[in-house]
């Protein structure tokens, strides 16, 4: 409990954000067994949202999304995955 008392507002918001991204990943995971189309995109979303959530947990300690450089690269890869999934999904719907 002492851990939460020593957190600043930005760290609390990063924790909330991490929980949000991991929750979204869990929604994709639970819906996966009912997914026939775009299963590959769903699996990509599960991984990308989970990793993005993990990156926010790391950010609680580093207090910067760009430090260390490996955190920046992880976040950039996740964003790239989100954009790629969106583009592929949009093209498949047409």
Protein backbone atom coordinates (compact mmCIF):
# COMPACT_ATOMS: atom_id res chain seq x y z
CA UNK A 1 0.00 0.00 0.00
CA UNK A 2 2.91 2.33 0.66
CA UNK A 3 3.90 1.95 -3.01
CA UNK A 4 0.68 3.62 -4.18
CA UNK A 5 1.01 6.48 -1.69
CA UNK A 6 4.36 7.49 -3.14
CA UNK A 7 3.18 7.71 -6.75
CA UNK A 8 2.82 10.98 -8.60
CA UNK A 9 -0.20 11.72 -10.79
CA UNK A 10 1.61 10.87 -14.04
CA UNK A 11 2.59 7.48 -12.63
CA UNK A 12 -0.97 6.74 -11.51
CA UNK A 13 -2.24 7.65 -14.97
CA UNK A 14 0.36 5.36 -16.55
CA UNK A 15 -0.83 2.52 -14.32
CA UNK A 16 -4.42 3.19 -15.39
CA UNK A 17 -3.34 3.30 -19.01
CA UNK A 18 -1.46 0.01 -18.66
CA UNK A 19 -4.57 -1.62 -17.22
CA UNK A 20 -6.64 -0.22 -20.10
CA UNK A 21 -4.31 -1.60 -22.82
CA UNK A 22 -4.04 -5.00 -21.16
CA UNK A 23 -7.83 -5.10 -20.76
CA UNK A 24 -8.26 -4.42 -24.47
CA UNK A 25 -5.79 -7.22 -25.16
CA UNK A 26 -7.89 -9.54 -22.95
CA UNK A 27 -11.06 -8.63 -24.86
CA UNK A 28 -9.38 -9.64 -28.13
CA UNK A 29 -8.14 -12.82 -26.45
CA UNK A 30 -11.54 -13.85 -25.12
CA UNK A 31 -13.21 -13.11 -28.47
CA UNK A 32 -10.54 -15.03 -30.39
CA UNK A 33 -12.29 -18.39 -30.17
CA UNK A 34 -15.34 -16.89 -31.91
CA UNK A 35 -13.27 -15.10 -34.54
CA UNK A 36 -13.28 -16.73 -37.95
CA UNK A 37 -12.25 -13.81 -40.17
CA UNK A 38 -9.19 -11.72 -39.48
CA UNK A 39 -7.90 -14.11 -36.84
CA UNK A 40 -4.34 -13.11 -37.71
CA UNK A 41 -5.16 -9.46 -37.03
CA UNK A 42 -6.78 -10.36 -33.72
CA UNK A 43 -3.68 -12.23 -32.60
CA UNK A 44 -1.52 -9.27 -33.62
CA UNK A 45 -3.78 -6.96 -31.57
CA UNK A 46 -3.56 -9.26 -28.54
CA UNK A 47 0.23 -9.13 -28.61
CA UNK A 48 0.53 -5.42 -29.47
CA UNK A 49 -1.96 -4.21 -26.84
CA UNK A 50 -0.41 -6.43 -24.16
CA UNK A 51 3.09 -5.17 -24.96
CA UNK A 52 1.86 -1.59 -25.02
CA UNK A 53 0.41 -2.15 -21.56
CA UNK A 54 3.68 -3.59 -20.34
CA UNK A 55 5.49 -0.56 -21.75
CA UNK A 56 3.27 1.69 -19.61
CA UNK A 57 4.17 -0.32 -16.51
CA UNK A 58 7.83 0.28 -17.38
CA UNK A 59 7.07 3.96 -17.91
CA UNK A 60 5.80 4.20 -14.32
CA UNK A 61 9.39 3.63 -13.19
CA UNK A 62 11.26 5.50 -15.93
CA UNK A 63 8.79 8.45 -15.91
CA UNK A 64 9.47 8.99 -19.62
CA UNK A 65 8.16 7.17 -22.70
CA UNK A 66 11.46 7.71 -24.53
CA UNK A 67 13.89 6.50 -21.83
CA UNK A 68 15.49 4.01 -22.12
CA UNK A 69 15.69 3.80 -25.89
CA UNK A 70 14.44 0.20 -25.78
CA UNK A 71 11.16 1.45 -24.27
CA UNK A 72 10.80 3.97 -27.09
CA UNK A 73 11.45 1.22 -29.66
CA UNK A 74 8.87 -1.06 -28.00
CA UNK A 75 6.24 1.68 -28.05
CA UNK A 76 7.07 2.58 -31.66
CA UNK A 77 6.74 -1.07 -32.73
CA UNK A 78 3.36 -1.32 -31.01
CA UNK A 79 2.09 1.84 -32.70
CA UNK A 80 3.38 0.55 -36.03
CA UNK A 81 1.50 -2.72 -35.42
CA UNK A 82 -1.72 -0.80 -34.62
CA UNK A 83 -1.46 1.26 -37.80
CA UNK A 84 -0.62 -1.80 -39.91
CA UNK A 85 -3.55 -3.78 -38.50
CA UNK A 86 -5.89 -0.86 -39.16
CA UNK A 87 -4.72 -0.52 -42.79
CA UNK A 88 -4.97 -4.26 -43.47
CA UNK A 89 -8.39 -4.48 -41.82
CA UNK A 90 -9.65 -1.49 -43.81
CA UNK A 91 -8.46 -3.01 -47.08
CA UNK A 92 -10.05 -6.37 -46.30
CA UNK A 93 -13.40 -4.72 -45.61
CA UNK A 94 -13.46 -3.11 -49.06
